[in-house]
N, C-alpha and C. Protein backbone atom coordinates (compact mmCIF):
# COMPACT_ATOMS: atom_id res chain seq x y z
N UNK A 1 -63.59 20.34 -73.94
CA UNK A 1 -63.01 19.48 -74.95
C UNK A 1 -61.56 19.90 -75.15
N UNK A 2 -60.66 18.97 -75.00
CA UNK A 2 -59.24 19.29 -75.12
C UNK A 2 -58.69 18.76 -76.43
N UNK A 3 -57.63 19.40 -76.84
CA UNK A 3 -56.95 19.01 -78.08
C UNK A 3 -56.08 17.78 -77.82
N UNK A 4 -55.84 16.98 -78.84
CA UNK A 4 -54.96 15.81 -78.64
C UNK A 4 -53.54 16.22 -78.30
N UNK A 5 -53.10 17.39 -78.78
CA UNK A 5 -51.75 17.85 -78.45
C UNK A 5 -51.64 18.21 -76.98
N UNK A 6 -52.68 18.77 -76.42
CA UNK A 6 -52.67 19.12 -74.99
C UNK A 6 -52.63 17.84 -74.16
N UNK A 7 -53.31 16.81 -74.62
CA UNK A 7 -53.29 15.54 -73.90
C UNK A 7 -51.92 14.88 -73.95
N UNK A 8 -51.17 15.12 -75.03
CA UNK A 8 -49.85 14.49 -75.17
C UNK A 8 -48.73 15.31 -74.55
N UNK A 9 -49.03 16.52 -74.10
CA UNK A 9 -47.99 17.39 -73.55
C UNK A 9 -47.24 16.77 -72.37
N UNK A 10 -47.91 16.15 -71.38
CA UNK A 10 -47.13 15.52 -70.29
C UNK A 10 -46.21 14.41 -70.79
N UNK A 11 -46.63 13.69 -71.81
CA UNK A 11 -45.77 12.64 -72.36
C UNK A 11 -44.53 13.24 -73.02
N UNK A 12 -44.71 14.32 -73.79
CA UNK A 12 -43.57 14.99 -74.42
C UNK A 12 -42.62 15.58 -73.37
N UNK A 13 -43.19 16.18 -72.33
CA UNK A 13 -42.34 16.76 -71.28
C UNK A 13 -41.56 15.68 -70.55
N UNK A 14 -42.19 14.55 -70.28
CA UNK A 14 -41.47 13.45 -69.62
C UNK A 14 -40.36 12.91 -70.51
N UNK A 15 -40.62 12.80 -71.80
CA UNK A 15 -39.59 12.34 -72.72
C UNK A 15 -38.44 13.32 -72.82
N UNK A 16 -38.75 14.62 -72.85
CA UNK A 16 -37.70 15.63 -72.91
C UNK A 16 -36.87 15.64 -71.63
N UNK A 17 -37.53 15.44 -70.48
CA UNK A 17 -36.79 15.35 -69.22
C UNK A 17 -35.84 14.16 -69.23
N UNK A 18 -36.31 13.03 -69.73
CA UNK A 18 -35.46 11.84 -69.78
C UNK A 18 -34.27 12.05 -70.73
N UNK A 19 -34.52 12.67 -71.87
CA UNK A 19 -33.43 12.94 -72.81
C UNK A 19 -32.40 13.91 -72.24
N UNK A 20 -32.88 14.95 -71.58
CA UNK A 20 -31.95 15.91 -70.98
C UNK A 20 -31.13 15.27 -69.87
N UNK A 21 -31.76 14.40 -69.09
CA UNK A 21 -31.02 13.71 -68.03
C UNK A 21 -29.99 12.76 -68.62
N UNK A 22 -30.35 12.05 -69.67
CA UNK A 22 -29.40 11.13 -70.31
C UNK A 22 -28.24 11.90 -70.93
N UNK A 23 -28.52 13.03 -71.55
CA UNK A 23 -27.45 13.84 -72.13
C UNK A 23 -26.52 14.37 -71.05
N UNK A 24 -27.08 14.73 -69.92
CA UNK A 24 -26.26 15.22 -68.81
C UNK A 24 -25.32 14.13 -68.31
N UNK A 25 -25.83 12.91 -68.20
CA UNK A 25 -24.98 11.80 -67.77
C UNK A 25 -23.89 11.51 -68.81
N UNK A 26 -24.23 11.58 -70.07
CA UNK A 26 -23.25 11.31 -71.12
C UNK A 26 -22.14 12.36 -71.10
N UNK A 27 -22.51 13.60 -70.89
CA UNK A 27 -21.50 14.66 -70.84
C UNK A 27 -20.67 14.55 -69.56
N UNK A 28 -21.25 14.00 -68.51
CA UNK A 28 -20.49 13.76 -67.29
C UNK A 28 -19.30 12.85 -67.54
N UNK A 29 -19.45 11.93 -68.46
CA UNK A 29 -18.32 11.07 -68.83
C UNK A 29 -17.18 11.90 -69.41
N UNK A 30 -17.51 12.91 -70.21
CA UNK A 30 -16.49 13.77 -70.81
C UNK A 30 -15.79 14.61 -69.73
N UNK A 31 -16.54 15.00 -68.71
CA UNK A 31 -15.93 15.77 -67.62
C UNK A 31 -14.89 14.91 -66.91
N UNK A 32 -15.19 13.64 -66.72
CA UNK A 32 -14.27 12.76 -65.99
C UNK A 32 -13.08 12.38 -66.85
N UNK A 33 -13.31 12.06 -68.11
CA UNK A 33 -12.22 11.53 -68.95
C UNK A 33 -11.71 12.51 -69.98
N UNK A 34 -12.17 13.76 -69.93
CA UNK A 34 -11.75 14.73 -70.96
C UNK A 34 -10.24 14.81 -71.06
N UNK A 35 -9.72 14.77 -72.27
CA UNK A 35 -8.26 14.77 -72.37
C UNK A 35 -7.62 16.10 -71.99
N UNK A 36 -8.33 17.21 -72.20
CA UNK A 36 -7.74 18.51 -71.88
C UNK A 36 -8.68 19.30 -70.98
N UNK A 37 -8.14 20.34 -70.38
CA UNK A 37 -8.94 21.19 -69.51
C UNK A 37 -10.06 21.91 -70.26
N UNK A 38 -9.80 22.47 -71.46
CA UNK A 38 -10.92 23.10 -72.18
C UNK A 38 -12.06 22.12 -72.49
N UNK A 39 -11.73 20.86 -72.76
CA UNK A 39 -12.80 19.87 -72.97
C UNK A 39 -13.67 19.74 -71.73
N UNK A 40 -13.04 19.71 -70.60
CA UNK A 40 -13.79 19.58 -69.35
C UNK A 40 -14.62 20.84 -69.08
N UNK A 41 -14.08 22.00 -69.40
CA UNK A 41 -14.82 23.25 -69.19
C UNK A 41 -16.06 23.29 -70.07
N UNK A 42 -15.90 22.92 -71.32
CA UNK A 42 -17.05 22.90 -72.24
C UNK A 42 -18.08 21.88 -71.76
N UNK A 43 -17.62 20.73 -71.28
CA UNK A 43 -18.55 19.72 -70.79
C UNK A 43 -19.31 20.22 -69.56
N UNK A 44 -18.61 20.92 -68.68
CA UNK A 44 -19.30 21.49 -67.51
C UNK A 44 -20.32 22.55 -67.93
N UNK A 45 -20.00 23.33 -68.96
CA UNK A 45 -20.95 24.32 -69.46
C UNK A 45 -22.19 23.63 -70.03
N UNK A 46 -21.98 22.53 -70.73
CA UNK A 46 -23.12 21.79 -71.28
C UNK A 46 -23.97 21.21 -70.15
N UNK A 47 -23.33 20.73 -69.10
CA UNK A 47 -24.09 20.21 -67.96
C UNK A 47 -24.93 21.33 -67.34
N UNK A 48 -24.34 22.52 -67.19
CA UNK A 48 -25.09 23.64 -66.65
C UNK A 48 -26.29 24.00 -67.51
N UNK A 49 -26.08 23.99 -68.81
CA UNK A 49 -27.19 24.28 -69.72
C UNK A 49 -28.28 23.21 -69.62
N UNK A 50 -27.86 21.96 -69.51
CA UNK A 50 -28.85 20.88 -69.38
C UNK A 50 -29.62 20.98 -68.07
N UNK A 51 -28.96 21.37 -67.01
CA UNK A 51 -29.66 21.52 -65.73
C UNK A 51 -30.69 22.65 -65.82
N UNK A 52 -30.36 23.73 -66.53
CA UNK A 52 -31.33 24.80 -66.74
C UNK A 52 -32.51 24.28 -67.54
N UNK A 53 -32.23 23.49 -68.57
CA UNK A 53 -33.33 22.92 -69.37
C UNK A 53 -34.19 21.98 -68.54
N UNK A 54 -33.56 21.19 -67.68
CA UNK A 54 -34.32 20.28 -66.82
C UNK A 54 -35.22 21.08 -65.87
N UNK A 55 -34.69 22.16 -65.29
CA UNK A 55 -35.50 22.98 -64.39
C UNK A 55 -36.68 23.60 -65.14
N UNK A 56 -36.45 24.07 -66.36
CA UNK A 56 -37.55 24.64 -67.15
C UNK A 56 -38.60 23.58 -67.51
N UNK A 57 -38.14 22.41 -67.93
CA UNK A 57 -39.09 21.35 -68.28
C UNK A 57 -39.88 20.90 -67.06
N UNK A 58 -39.21 20.83 -65.91
CA UNK A 58 -39.93 20.44 -64.70
C UNK A 58 -40.93 21.51 -64.29
N UNK A 59 -40.57 22.79 -64.49
CA UNK A 59 -41.52 23.87 -64.20
C UNK A 59 -42.75 23.76 -65.08
N UNK A 60 -42.54 23.39 -66.34
CA UNK A 60 -43.68 23.23 -67.24
C UNK A 60 -44.50 22.00 -66.87
N UNK A 61 -43.84 20.92 -66.50
CA UNK A 61 -44.56 19.68 -66.19
C UNK A 61 -45.34 19.78 -64.89
N UNK A 62 -44.76 20.48 -63.91
CA UNK A 62 -45.42 20.54 -62.60
C UNK A 62 -46.21 21.82 -62.40
N UNK A 63 -46.13 22.76 -63.34
CA UNK A 63 -46.86 24.04 -63.26
C UNK A 63 -46.50 24.81 -62.00
N UNK A 64 -45.22 24.75 -61.63
CA UNK A 64 -44.74 25.52 -60.48
C UNK A 64 -43.77 26.59 -60.99
N UNK A 65 -44.14 27.83 -60.81
CA UNK A 65 -43.34 28.94 -61.32
C UNK A 65 -42.03 29.14 -60.59
N UNK A 66 -41.90 28.55 -59.41
CA UNK A 66 -40.67 28.70 -58.64
C UNK A 66 -39.46 28.19 -59.43
N UNK A 67 -39.64 27.14 -60.19
CA UNK A 67 -38.52 26.55 -60.92
C UNK A 67 -38.08 27.43 -62.09
N UNK A 68 -38.92 28.36 -62.53
CA UNK A 68 -38.47 29.33 -63.53
C UNK A 68 -37.42 30.26 -62.93
N UNK A 69 -37.68 30.70 -61.70
CA UNK A 69 -36.68 31.53 -61.02
C UNK A 69 -35.38 30.76 -60.79
N UNK A 70 -35.52 29.50 -60.42
CA UNK A 70 -34.34 28.66 -60.21
C UNK A 70 -33.53 28.53 -61.51
N UNK A 71 -34.23 28.35 -62.62
CA UNK A 71 -33.52 28.19 -63.89
C UNK A 71 -32.82 29.48 -64.30
N UNK A 72 -33.43 30.63 -64.04
CA UNK A 72 -32.79 31.91 -64.37
C UNK A 72 -31.52 32.10 -63.55
N UNK A 73 -31.60 31.80 -62.26
CA UNK A 73 -30.42 31.95 -61.40
C UNK A 73 -29.32 30.97 -61.83
N UNK A 74 -29.69 29.74 -62.15
CA UNK A 74 -28.71 28.76 -62.61
C UNK A 74 -28.05 29.21 -63.92
N UNK A 75 -28.83 29.80 -64.82
CA UNK A 75 -28.26 30.27 -66.08
C UNK A 75 -27.27 31.40 -65.84
N UNK A 76 -27.60 32.31 -64.95
CA UNK A 76 -26.68 33.42 -64.64
C UNK A 76 -25.40 32.88 -64.01
N UNK A 77 -25.53 32.00 -63.04
CA UNK A 77 -24.35 31.43 -62.39
C UNK A 77 -23.51 30.63 -63.39
N UNK A 78 -24.15 29.89 -64.26
CA UNK A 78 -23.43 29.12 -65.27
C UNK A 78 -22.66 30.01 -66.22
N UNK A 79 -23.27 31.12 -66.64
CA UNK A 79 -22.59 32.05 -67.55
C UNK A 79 -21.37 32.67 -66.88
N UNK A 80 -21.56 33.14 -65.66
CA UNK A 80 -20.44 33.79 -64.96
C UNK A 80 -19.32 32.80 -64.71
N UNK A 81 -19.65 31.59 -64.31
CA UNK A 81 -18.59 30.61 -64.03
C UNK A 81 -17.88 30.19 -65.31
N UNK A 82 -18.58 30.08 -66.41
CA UNK A 82 -17.94 29.72 -67.67
C UNK A 82 -16.99 30.81 -68.14
N UNK A 83 -17.41 32.05 -68.04
CA UNK A 83 -16.54 33.15 -68.44
C UNK A 83 -15.31 33.21 -67.53
N UNK A 84 -15.52 32.99 -66.25
CA UNK A 84 -14.40 33.03 -65.31
C UNK A 84 -13.39 31.93 -65.58
N UNK A 85 -13.86 30.71 -65.78
CA UNK A 85 -12.95 29.59 -66.03
C UNK A 85 -12.26 29.76 -67.39
N UNK A 86 -12.98 30.25 -68.39
CA UNK A 86 -12.36 30.47 -69.70
C UNK A 86 -11.26 31.52 -69.60
N UNK A 87 -11.50 32.55 -68.84
CA UNK A 87 -10.47 33.57 -68.66
C UNK A 87 -9.26 33.02 -67.92
N UNK A 88 -9.52 32.18 -66.94
CA UNK A 88 -8.41 31.58 -66.19
C UNK A 88 -7.61 30.63 -67.08
N UNK A 89 -8.28 29.88 -67.92
CA UNK A 89 -7.58 28.92 -68.79
C UNK A 89 -6.75 29.66 -69.84
N UNK A 90 -7.30 30.73 -70.41
CA UNK A 90 -6.60 31.42 -71.48
C UNK A 90 -5.52 32.37 -70.99
N UNK A 91 -5.75 33.05 -69.86
CA UNK A 91 -4.81 34.06 -69.41
C UNK A 91 -4.08 33.69 -68.13
N UNK A 92 -4.55 32.66 -67.43
CA UNK A 92 -3.89 32.24 -66.21
C UNK A 92 -4.21 33.08 -65.00
N UNK A 93 -5.11 34.06 -65.17
CA UNK A 93 -5.48 34.92 -64.06
C UNK A 93 -6.92 35.39 -64.28
N UNK A 94 -7.67 35.52 -63.19
CA UNK A 94 -9.06 35.93 -63.32
C UNK A 94 -9.18 37.45 -63.25
N UNK A 95 -8.52 38.04 -62.27
CA UNK A 95 -8.58 39.49 -62.07
C UNK A 95 -7.19 40.06 -62.31
N UNK A 96 -7.14 41.06 -63.17
CA UNK A 96 -5.83 41.66 -63.47
C UNK A 96 -5.49 42.72 -62.45
């Protein structure tokens, strides 16, 4: 006997995947038309975060643990790239 919440879990995961994908597309507009470089950097960071969320939601929906590893690697790469670009924008150089 299953709980009604367990039965609704695939529906919630599908809805969350759709919302994350829509948010990613909306932020993509900011990347293209952002008035300044910091706006574009923040938008790219949001896209990276959304892709990590999509990988996690897909891992939960499909019950495949491989996508957890993918999301961890994407989060690490996103953090390093954001710090690097922020340093370049603020100081004009990555390595002193």
